[in-house]
Amino acid sequence: MQEQTHVYRRLFGRFVTGVAVVLTEEDGEVRGLTVNSLTSASLDPLLLLFCVCNDGCSGKSILRAGRFTVNILGADQENVARHFAGCKDVDAKFECLREDGFVWLNHCNAVFRCDLEASYPGGDHRIVLGRVKDMLGPDACDRLLVYHEGHYGKLQSKSIAESPIEAKH
């Protein structure tokens, strides 16, 4: 079984993914996790899905809070991804914005503010389905942070962002 798990991870690592951070706030504390299992699930209604580890504290916080944001990261936010992936030796500097009970990262490529629609068992993970309540993003996409074969990389977008996501004034 362990050999199959190793081969499975190695082969699945060949699928290039974007990188996102899912955030919520619980007891006044920002909780989050890095995901690369993000999928658009439905256009009517707007639904997205991602997976959280059954044993992870942040995933449990997201499920308890019942609302979260999904933040699609830019190429310059690798340390933020590493921080929320649990890397202890990373010096991540980031700014969180808050509005209407949501918390999200400033200066990312897109933010989806979601209410928890449902969650389902999926082996050693839970499949989380979120209903998109609102979304924010610059008109153009900045360079993207991607993940491939266990490493982060940067991908130049066809268009360069004119302005990062900022707080509403």
N, C-alpha and C. Protein backbone atom coordinates (compact mmCIF):
# COMPACT_ATOMS: atom_id res chain seq x y z
N MET A 1 0.83 -1.20 0.00
CA MET A 1 0.00 0.00 0.00
C MET A 1 0.87 1.26 0.00
N GLN A 2 1.94 1.27 0.82
CA GLN A 2 2.79 2.45 0.89
C GLN A 2 3.47 2.72 -0.45
N GLU A 3 3.85 1.67 -1.16
CA GLU A 3 4.48 1.85 -2.47
C GLU A 3 3.47 2.47 -3.44
N GLN A 4 2.22 2.01 -3.40
CA GLN A 4 1.18 2.58 -4.27
C GLN A 4 0.96 4.05 -3.95
N THR A 5 0.97 4.39 -2.66
CA THR A 5 0.81 5.79 -2.26
C THR A 5 1.94 6.63 -2.81
N HIS A 6 3.16 6.13 -2.72
CA HIS A 6 4.32 6.87 -3.24
C HIS A 6 4.21 7.07 -4.76
N VAL A 7 3.86 6.03 -5.48
CA VAL A 7 3.72 6.12 -6.94
C VAL A 7 2.57 7.07 -7.29
N TYR A 8 1.47 6.94 -6.59
CA TYR A 8 0.31 7.81 -6.82
C TYR A 8 0.69 9.29 -6.67
N ARG A 9 1.36 9.62 -5.57
CA ARG A 9 1.78 11.02 -5.33
C ARG A 9 2.76 11.49 -6.39
N ARG A 10 3.71 10.63 -6.76
CA ARG A 10 4.71 11.00 -7.77
C ARG A 10 4.03 11.28 -9.11
N LEU A 11 3.15 10.39 -9.52
CA LEU A 11 2.49 10.56 -10.82
C LEU A 11 1.50 11.73 -10.81
N PHE A 12 0.77 11.89 -9.71
CA PHE A 12 -0.18 13.01 -9.63
C PHE A 12 0.55 14.34 -9.58
N GLY A 13 1.78 14.34 -9.07
CA GLY A 13 2.59 15.56 -9.02
C GLY A 13 2.92 16.11 -10.39
N ARG A 14 2.71 15.34 -11.42
CA ARG A 14 2.95 15.80 -12.79
C ARG A 14 1.85 16.70 -13.31
N PHE A 15 0.77 16.78 -12.57
CA PHE A 15 -0.34 17.67 -12.93
C PHE A 15 -0.06 19.03 -12.32
N VAL A 16 0.16 20.02 -13.15
CA VAL A 16 0.46 21.38 -12.68
C VAL A 16 -0.83 22.01 -12.15
N THR A 17 -0.74 22.60 -10.95
CA THR A 17 -1.91 23.27 -10.37
C THR A 17 -1.55 24.69 -9.97
N GLY A 18 -2.57 25.49 -9.83
CA GLY A 18 -2.41 26.80 -9.21
C GLY A 18 -2.33 26.60 -7.70
N VAL A 19 -2.09 27.70 -6.99
CA VAL A 19 -1.97 27.62 -5.54
C VAL A 19 -2.92 28.64 -4.93
N ALA A 20 -3.68 28.21 -3.94
CA ALA A 20 -4.61 29.09 -3.25
C ALA A 20 -4.47 28.89 -1.75
N VAL A 21 -4.86 29.91 -1.00
CA VAL A 21 -4.93 29.83 0.45
C VAL A 21 -6.38 30.05 0.84
N VAL A 22 -6.89 29.15 1.67
CA VAL A 22 -8.25 29.27 2.20
C VAL A 22 -8.15 29.82 3.60
N LEU A 23 -8.89 30.90 3.87
CA LEU A 23 -8.84 31.56 5.18
C LEU A 23 -10.21 31.65 5.81
N THR A 24 -10.21 31.60 7.13
CA THR A 24 -11.39 31.90 7.93
C THR A 24 -10.91 32.56 9.20
N GLU A 25 -11.84 33.03 9.99
CA GLU A 25 -11.50 33.61 11.28
C GLU A 25 -12.30 32.89 12.35
N GLU A 26 -11.61 32.45 13.38
CA GLU A 26 -12.27 31.75 14.48
C GLU A 26 -11.71 32.29 15.79
N ASP A 27 -12.59 32.74 16.66
CA ASP A 27 -12.19 33.31 17.95
C ASP A 27 -11.18 34.45 17.79
N GLY A 28 -11.38 35.27 16.74
CA GLY A 28 -10.52 36.42 16.51
C GLY A 28 -9.19 36.10 15.88
N GLU A 29 -8.95 34.82 15.56
CA GLU A 29 -7.68 34.40 14.98
C GLU A 29 -7.88 33.97 13.53
N VAL A 30 -6.96 34.41 12.66
CA VAL A 30 -7.00 34.00 11.26
C VAL A 30 -6.45 32.58 11.17
N ARG A 31 -7.21 31.70 10.55
CA ARG A 31 -6.80 30.31 10.33
C ARG A 31 -6.82 30.06 8.83
N GLY A 32 -5.87 29.29 8.36
CA GLY A 32 -5.85 29.04 6.93
C GLY A 32 -5.02 27.84 6.54
N LEU A 33 -5.16 27.46 5.29
CA LEU A 33 -4.41 26.36 4.74
C LEU A 33 -4.18 26.58 3.26
N THR A 34 -3.09 26.04 2.77
CA THR A 34 -2.75 26.11 1.36
C THR A 34 -3.36 24.92 0.65
N VAL A 35 -4.00 25.17 -0.49
CA VAL A 35 -4.61 24.10 -1.28
C VAL A 35 -4.17 24.21 -2.73
N ASN A 36 -4.09 23.07 -3.37
CA ASN A 36 -3.94 23.04 -4.82
C ASN A 36 -4.98 22.12 -5.42
N SER A 37 -6.01 21.82 -4.63
CA SER A 37 -7.10 20.95 -5.08
C SER A 37 -8.36 21.77 -5.37
N LEU A 38 -8.19 22.99 -5.78
CA LEU A 38 -9.32 23.90 -6.02
C LEU A 38 -9.97 23.61 -7.38
N THR A 39 -11.30 23.55 -7.37
CA THR A 39 -12.05 23.25 -8.59
C THR A 39 -13.31 24.09 -8.64
N SER A 40 -13.62 24.62 -9.81
CA SER A 40 -14.91 25.23 -10.04
C SER A 40 -15.91 24.08 -10.18
N ALA A 41 -16.95 24.07 -9.33
CA ALA A 41 -17.88 22.94 -9.31
C ALA A 41 -19.18 23.22 -10.03
N SER A 42 -19.63 24.49 -10.05
CA SER A 42 -20.92 24.81 -10.66
C SER A 42 -20.97 26.30 -11.00
N LEU A 43 -21.64 26.60 -12.10
CA LEU A 43 -21.88 28.00 -12.49
C LEU A 43 -23.25 28.49 -12.04
N ASP A 44 -24.19 27.56 -11.79
CA ASP A 44 -25.52 27.95 -11.36
C ASP A 44 -26.05 26.93 -10.37
N PRO A 45 -25.89 27.17 -9.06
CA PRO A 45 -25.30 28.36 -8.44
C PRO A 45 -23.77 28.30 -8.52
N LEU A 46 -23.12 29.42 -8.18
CA LEU A 46 -21.66 29.46 -8.18
C LEU A 46 -21.14 28.65 -6.99
N LEU A 47 -20.47 27.54 -7.30
CA LEU A 47 -19.93 26.66 -6.27
C LEU A 47 -18.49 26.32 -6.62
N LEU A 48 -17.64 26.20 -5.60
CA LEU A 48 -16.27 25.73 -5.78
C LEU A 48 -16.01 24.64 -4.75
N LEU A 49 -14.96 23.86 -5.00
CA LEU A 49 -14.63 22.83 -4.02
C LEU A 49 -13.13 22.69 -3.86
N PHE A 50 -12.75 22.23 -2.68
CA PHE A 50 -11.37 21.93 -2.34
C PHE A 50 -11.39 20.86 -1.27
N CYS A 51 -10.24 20.32 -0.95
CA CYS A 51 -10.16 19.25 0.05
C CYS A 51 -9.34 19.70 1.25
N VAL A 52 -9.73 19.24 2.43
CA VAL A 52 -8.98 19.51 3.65
C VAL A 52 -8.68 18.18 4.34
N CYS A 53 -7.51 18.09 4.94
CA CYS A 53 -7.09 16.90 5.67
C CYS A 53 -7.98 16.71 6.90
N ASN A 54 -8.40 15.48 7.13
CA ASN A 54 -9.26 15.20 8.29
C ASN A 54 -8.62 15.60 9.60
N ASP A 55 -7.30 15.51 9.69
CA ASP A 55 -6.60 15.79 10.94
C ASP A 55 -6.17 17.24 11.09
N GLY A 56 -6.38 18.07 10.09
CA GLY A 56 -5.88 19.45 10.12
C GLY A 56 -6.75 20.39 10.93
N CYS A 57 -6.11 21.18 11.77
CA CYS A 57 -6.83 22.15 12.62
C CYS A 57 -7.50 23.24 11.78
N SER A 58 -6.81 23.73 10.76
CA SER A 58 -7.38 24.81 9.94
C SER A 58 -8.61 24.35 9.19
N GLY A 59 -8.58 23.14 8.66
CA GLY A 59 -9.75 22.61 7.97
C GLY A 59 -10.94 22.49 8.90
N LYS A 60 -10.70 22.07 10.12
CA LYS A 60 -11.77 21.98 11.10
C LYS A 60 -12.32 23.35 11.44
N SER A 61 -11.45 24.36 11.51
CA SER A 61 -11.89 25.74 11.77
C SER A 61 -12.78 26.25 10.64
N ILE A 62 -12.38 25.95 9.41
CA ILE A 62 -13.17 26.37 8.25
C ILE A 62 -14.56 25.75 8.30
N LEU A 63 -14.63 24.47 8.62
CA LEU A 63 -15.92 23.79 8.69
C LEU A 63 -16.77 24.34 9.84
N ARG A 64 -16.17 24.62 10.98
CA ARG A 64 -16.92 25.17 12.12
C ARG A 64 -17.42 26.58 11.83
N ALA A 65 -16.58 27.40 11.22
CA ALA A 65 -16.95 28.80 10.95
C ALA A 65 -18.07 28.89 9.92
N GLY A 66 -18.09 27.99 8.96
CA GLY A 66 -19.15 27.99 7.97
C GLY A 66 -19.00 29.04 6.88
N ARG A 67 -17.89 29.76 6.89
CA ARG A 67 -17.58 30.73 5.83
C ARG A 67 -16.08 30.86 5.71
N PHE A 68 -15.65 31.21 4.52
CA PHE A 68 -14.22 31.25 4.25
C PHE A 68 -13.97 32.04 2.97
N THR A 69 -12.72 32.35 2.73
CA THR A 69 -12.32 32.93 1.46
C THR A 69 -11.30 32.01 0.80
N VAL A 70 -11.33 31.99 -0.50
CA VAL A 70 -10.33 31.28 -1.29
C VAL A 70 -9.53 32.36 -2.02
N ASN A 71 -8.23 32.39 -1.77
CA ASN A 71 -7.34 33.43 -2.29
C ASN A 71 -6.37 32.81 -3.28
N ILE A 72 -6.48 33.17 -4.55
CA ILE A 72 -5.59 32.63 -5.58
C ILE A 72 -4.32 33.48 -5.59
N LEU A 73 -3.19 32.83 -5.35
CA LEU A 73 -1.94 33.53 -5.10
C LEU A 73 -1.20 33.91 -6.38
N GLY A 74 -0.44 35.00 -6.26
CA GLY A 74 0.46 35.44 -7.31
C GLY A 74 1.85 34.87 -7.08
N ALA A 75 2.71 35.01 -8.08
CA ALA A 75 4.05 34.43 -8.05
C ALA A 75 4.88 34.95 -6.88
N ASP A 76 4.63 36.16 -6.42
CA ASP A 76 5.42 36.73 -5.32
C ASP A 76 4.89 36.33 -3.94
N GLN A 77 3.93 35.41 -3.88
CA GLN A 77 3.34 35.01 -2.60
C GLN A 77 3.70 33.57 -2.19
N GLU A 78 4.82 33.08 -2.67
CA GLU A 78 5.24 31.73 -2.33
C GLU A 78 5.41 31.56 -0.82
N ASN A 79 5.98 32.55 -0.14
CA ASN A 79 6.16 32.44 1.31
C ASN A 79 4.82 32.38 2.04
N VAL A 80 3.80 33.04 1.51
CA VAL A 80 2.46 32.95 2.10
C VAL A 80 1.94 31.53 1.95
N ALA A 81 2.12 30.95 0.76
CA ALA A 81 1.70 29.56 0.53
C ALA A 81 2.42 28.61 1.49
N ARG A 82 3.73 28.81 1.63
CA ARG A 82 4.51 27.94 2.51
C ARG A 82 4.07 28.11 3.98
N HIS A 83 3.80 29.35 4.39
CA HIS A 83 3.34 29.62 5.75
C HIS A 83 2.06 28.84 6.06
N PHE A 84 1.07 28.96 5.17
CA PHE A 84 -0.21 28.29 5.42
C PHE A 84 -0.16 26.80 5.11
N ALA A 85 0.94 26.32 4.51
CA ALA A 85 1.15 24.88 4.33
C ALA A 85 1.83 24.29 5.57
N GLY A 86 2.16 25.14 6.54
CA GLY A 86 2.73 24.65 7.80
C GLY A 86 4.23 24.68 7.88
N CYS A 87 4.91 25.33 6.94
CA CYS A 87 6.37 25.44 7.00
C CYS A 87 6.76 26.40 8.11
N LYS A 88 7.47 25.90 9.09
CA LYS A 88 7.81 26.69 10.28
C LYS A 88 8.95 27.68 10.04
N ASP A 89 9.81 27.41 9.07
CA ASP A 89 11.00 28.24 8.86
C ASP A 89 10.79 29.33 7.82
N VAL A 90 9.54 29.69 7.53
CA VAL A 90 9.23 30.68 6.51
C VAL A 90 8.86 32.00 7.15
N ASP A 91 9.47 33.07 6.66
CA ASP A 91 9.14 34.42 7.11
C ASP A 91 8.14 35.01 6.12
N ALA A 92 6.87 34.82 6.40
CA ALA A 92 5.82 35.28 5.48
C ALA A 92 5.23 36.59 5.98
N LYS A 93 5.29 37.58 5.12
CA LYS A 93 4.67 38.87 5.43
C LYS A 93 3.45 39.01 4.52
N PHE A 94 2.29 39.24 5.13
CA PHE A 94 1.08 39.40 4.35
C PHE A 94 0.10 40.26 5.14
N GLU A 95 -0.80 40.85 4.42
CA GLU A 95 -1.82 41.72 5.01
C GLU A 95 -3.18 41.08 4.79
N CYS A 96 -3.94 40.95 5.86
CA CYS A 96 -5.31 40.44 5.76
C CYS A 96 -6.29 41.60 5.80
N LEU A 97 -7.29 41.51 4.97
CA LEU A 97 -8.38 42.49 4.95
C LEU A 97 -9.63 41.82 5.51
N ARG A 98 -10.53 42.62 6.08
CA ARG A 98 -11.74 42.08 6.67
C ARG A 98 -12.95 42.92 6.26
N GLU A 99 -14.04 42.21 6.00
CA GLU A 99 -15.30 42.88 5.69
C GLU A 99 -16.43 41.86 5.77
N ASP A 100 -17.54 42.24 6.36
CA ASP A 100 -18.74 41.41 6.43
C ASP A 100 -18.47 40.00 6.97
N GLY A 101 -17.57 39.88 7.94
CA GLY A 101 -17.28 38.59 8.54
C GLY A 101 -16.31 37.72 7.76
N PHE A 102 -15.76 38.24 6.67
CA PHE A 102 -14.78 37.50 5.88
C PHE A 102 -13.40 38.09 6.10
N VAL A 103 -12.38 37.27 5.96
CA VAL A 103 -10.99 37.71 6.02
C VAL A 103 -10.31 37.17 4.76
N TRP A 104 -9.50 38.03 4.09
CA TRP A 104 -8.81 37.60 2.89
C TRP A 104 -7.47 38.29 2.77
N LEU A 105 -6.65 37.77 1.86
CA LEU A 105 -5.31 38.29 1.65
C LEU A 105 -5.35 39.47 0.68
N ASN A 106 -4.59 40.50 1.00
CA ASN A 106 -4.41 41.61 0.10
C ASN A 106 -3.40 41.22 -0.97
N HIS A 107 -3.53 41.79 -2.13
CA HIS A 107 -2.55 41.63 -3.22
C HIS A 107 -2.48 40.21 -3.78
N CYS A 108 -3.63 39.58 -4.01
CA CYS A 108 -3.60 38.29 -4.68
C CYS A 108 -4.38 38.40 -6.00
N ASN A 109 -4.38 37.35 -6.78
CA ASN A 109 -4.99 37.40 -8.11
C ASN A 109 -6.51 37.31 -8.10
N ALA A 110 -7.08 36.69 -7.09
CA ALA A 110 -8.54 36.58 -7.00
C ALA A 110 -8.91 36.18 -5.58
N VAL A 111 -10.09 36.61 -5.16
CA VAL A 111 -10.65 36.22 -3.86
C VAL A 111 -12.10 35.83 -4.08
N PHE A 112 -12.46 34.67 -3.55
CA PHE A 112 -13.85 34.20 -3.57
C PHE A 112 -14.31 34.12 -2.12
N ARG A 113 -15.34 34.90 -1.78
CA ARG A 113 -15.89 34.86 -0.43
C ARG A 113 -17.06 33.88 -0.45
N CYS A 114 -16.98 32.85 0.40
CA CYS A 114 -17.90 31.71 0.31
C CYS A 114 -18.54 31.38 1.65
N ASP A 115 -19.75 30.87 1.57
CA ASP A 115 -20.39 30.19 2.68
C ASP A 115 -20.26 28.69 2.44
N LEU A 116 -20.13 27.94 3.52
CA LEU A 116 -20.04 26.49 3.41
C LEU A 116 -21.37 25.95 2.90
N GLU A 117 -21.34 25.29 1.77
CA GLU A 117 -22.54 24.66 1.20
C GLU A 117 -22.70 23.24 1.75
N ALA A 118 -21.60 22.49 1.74
CA ALA A 118 -21.64 21.10 2.21
C ALA A 118 -20.21 20.59 2.35
N SER A 119 -20.05 19.49 3.07
CA SER A 119 -18.77 18.78 3.09
C SER A 119 -19.07 17.29 3.09
N TYR A 120 -18.16 16.56 2.47
CA TYR A 120 -18.36 15.13 2.27
C TYR A 120 -17.10 14.37 2.65
N PRO A 121 -17.25 13.13 3.15
CA PRO A 121 -16.06 12.33 3.43
C PRO A 121 -15.36 11.95 2.13
N GLY A 122 -14.03 11.93 2.18
CA GLY A 122 -13.23 11.54 1.03
C GLY A 122 -11.94 10.90 1.48
N GLY A 123 -12.02 9.74 2.09
CA GLY A 123 -10.82 9.05 2.57
C GLY A 123 -10.20 9.80 3.73
N ASP A 124 -8.91 10.14 3.61
CA ASP A 124 -8.24 10.86 4.70
C ASP A 124 -8.45 12.38 4.61
N HIS A 125 -9.33 12.81 3.71
CA HIS A 125 -9.69 14.23 3.55
C HIS A 125 -11.20 14.41 3.59
N ARG A 126 -11.62 15.66 3.69
CA ARG A 126 -13.02 16.04 3.49
C ARG A 126 -13.08 16.90 2.24
N ILE A 127 -14.11 16.69 1.47
CA ILE A 127 -14.36 17.48 0.27
C ILE A 127 -15.28 18.62 0.70
N VAL A 128 -14.82 19.84 0.51
CA VAL A 128 -15.55 21.02 0.97
C VAL A 128 -16.14 21.73 -0.25
N LEU A 129 -17.44 21.98 -0.20
CA LEU A 129 -18.14 22.68 -1.26
C LEU A 129 -18.56 24.04 -0.73
N GLY A 130 -18.12 25.10 -1.40
CA GLY A 130 -18.45 26.45 -0.98
C GLY A 130 -19.33 27.17 -1.98
N ARG A 131 -20.31 27.91 -1.46
CA ARG A 131 -21.18 28.73 -2.32
C ARG A 131 -20.57 30.13 -2.37
N VAL A 132 -20.22 30.57 -3.55
CA VAL A 132 -19.57 31.86 -3.73
C VAL A 132 -20.60 32.97 -3.52
N LYS A 133 -20.34 33.82 -2.52
CA LYS A 133 -21.22 34.95 -2.21
C LYS A 133 -20.77 36.21 -2.92
N ASP A 134 -19.45 36.33 -3.12
CA ASP A 134 -18.88 37.54 -3.70
C ASP A 134 -17.49 37.17 -4.21
N MET A 135 -17.00 37.93 -5.16
CA MET A 135 -15.64 37.70 -5.66
C MET A 135 -14.99 39.03 -6.00
N LEU A 136 -13.68 39.06 -5.80
CA LEU A 136 -12.89 40.25 -6.02
C LEU A 136 -11.67 39.89 -6.85
N GLY A 137 -11.19 40.83 -7.63
CA GLY A 137 -9.96 40.58 -8.37
C GLY A 137 -9.64 41.73 -9.29
N PRO A 138 -8.36 41.90 -9.57
CA PRO A 138 -7.96 42.95 -10.51
C PRO A 138 -8.46 42.62 -11.91
N ASP A 139 -8.51 43.60 -12.77
CA ASP A 139 -8.96 43.39 -14.15
C ASP A 139 -8.05 42.42 -14.90
N ALA A 140 -6.77 42.46 -14.58
CA ALA A 140 -5.81 41.58 -15.25
C ALA A 140 -5.08 40.76 -14.19
N CYS A 141 -4.63 39.59 -14.58
CA CYS A 141 -3.97 38.66 -13.66
C CYS A 141 -2.48 38.93 -13.61
N ASP A 142 -1.93 38.92 -12.41
CA ASP A 142 -0.49 39.01 -12.20
C ASP A 142 0.13 37.64 -12.48
N ARG A 143 1.44 37.56 -12.42
CA ARG A 143 2.10 36.25 -12.59
C ARG A 143 1.53 35.28 -11.57
N LEU A 144 1.39 34.04 -11.97
CA LEU A 144 0.76 33.02 -11.14
C LEU A 144 1.77 32.18 -10.38
N LEU A 145 1.39 31.77 -9.19
CA LEU A 145 2.15 30.79 -8.43
C LEU A 145 1.57 29.43 -8.80
N VAL A 146 2.43 28.50 -9.21
CA VAL A 146 1.98 27.16 -9.58
C VAL A 146 2.75 26.13 -8.76
N TYR A 147 2.24 24.90 -8.77
CA TYR A 147 2.84 23.81 -8.02
C TYR A 147 2.96 22.61 -8.95
N HIS A 148 4.18 22.01 -8.98
CA HIS A 148 4.44 20.89 -9.88
C HIS A 148 5.54 20.01 -9.29
N GLU A 149 5.27 18.72 -9.20
CA GLU A 149 6.22 17.74 -8.68
C GLU A 149 6.86 18.15 -7.35
N GLY A 150 6.02 18.68 -6.45
CA GLY A 150 6.49 19.02 -5.11
C GLY A 150 7.22 20.34 -5.00
N HIS A 151 7.19 21.16 -6.04
CA HIS A 151 7.91 22.43 -6.03
C HIS A 151 7.01 23.56 -6.53
N TYR A 152 7.25 24.75 -6.00
CA TYR A 152 6.56 25.93 -6.47
C TYR A 152 7.27 26.47 -7.71
N GLY A 153 6.50 27.09 -8.58
CA GLY A 153 7.05 27.73 -9.78
C GLY A 153 6.25 28.98 -10.09
N LYS A 154 6.70 29.72 -11.05
CA LYS A 154 6.04 30.96 -11.43
C LYS A 154 5.68 30.89 -12.90
N LEU A 155 4.49 31.35 -13.22
CA LEU A 155 4.00 31.31 -14.59
C LEU A 155 3.58 32.71 -14.99
N GLN A 156 4.11 33.19 -16.09
CA GLN A 156 3.75 34.52 -16.58
C GLN A 156 2.36 34.47 -17.18
N SER A 157 1.50 35.37 -16.77
CA SER A 157 0.16 35.45 -17.30
C SER A 157 0.18 36.14 -18.65
N LYS A 158 -0.85 35.93 -19.44
CA LYS A 158 -0.96 36.63 -20.71
C LYS A 158 -1.16 38.13 -20.49
N SER A 159 -1.76 38.48 -19.37
CA SER A 159 -1.98 39.88 -19.03
C SER A 159 -1.36 40.18 -17.68
N ILE A 160 -0.88 41.36 -17.49
CA ILE A 160 -0.25 41.77 -16.24
C ILE A 160 -1.24 42.63 -15.45
N ALA A 161 -1.33 42.37 -14.15
CA ALA A 161 -2.28 43.09 -13.30
C ALA A 161 -1.98 44.57 -13.27
N GLU A 162 -3.05 45.35 -13.38
CA GLU A 162 -2.91 46.80 -13.28
C GLU A 162 -2.94 47.26 -11.84
N SER A 163 -3.73 46.56 -11.03
CA SER A 163 -3.79 46.92 -9.61
C SER A 163 -4.11 45.69 -8.79
N PRO A 164 -3.47 45.55 -7.62
CA PRO A 164 -3.76 44.41 -6.75
C PRO A 164 -5.11 44.60 -6.06
N ILE A 165 -5.60 43.52 -5.48
CA ILE A 165 -6.83 43.61 -4.70
C ILE A 165 -6.56 44.46 -3.47
N GLU A 166 -7.37 45.44 -3.27
CA GLU A 166 -7.21 46.32 -2.11
C GLU A 166 -8.54 46.45 -1.41
N ALA A 167 -8.49 46.98 -0.22
CA ALA A 167 -9.71 47.18 0.56
C ALA A 167 -10.61 48.18 -0.15
N LYS A 168 -11.92 47.98 -0.02
CA LYS A 168 -12.88 48.94 -0.59
C LYS A 168 -12.83 50.23 0.20
N HIS A 169 -12.96 51.33 -0.49
CA HIS A 169 -12.95 52.63 0.19
C HIS A 169 -14.32 53.23 0.20
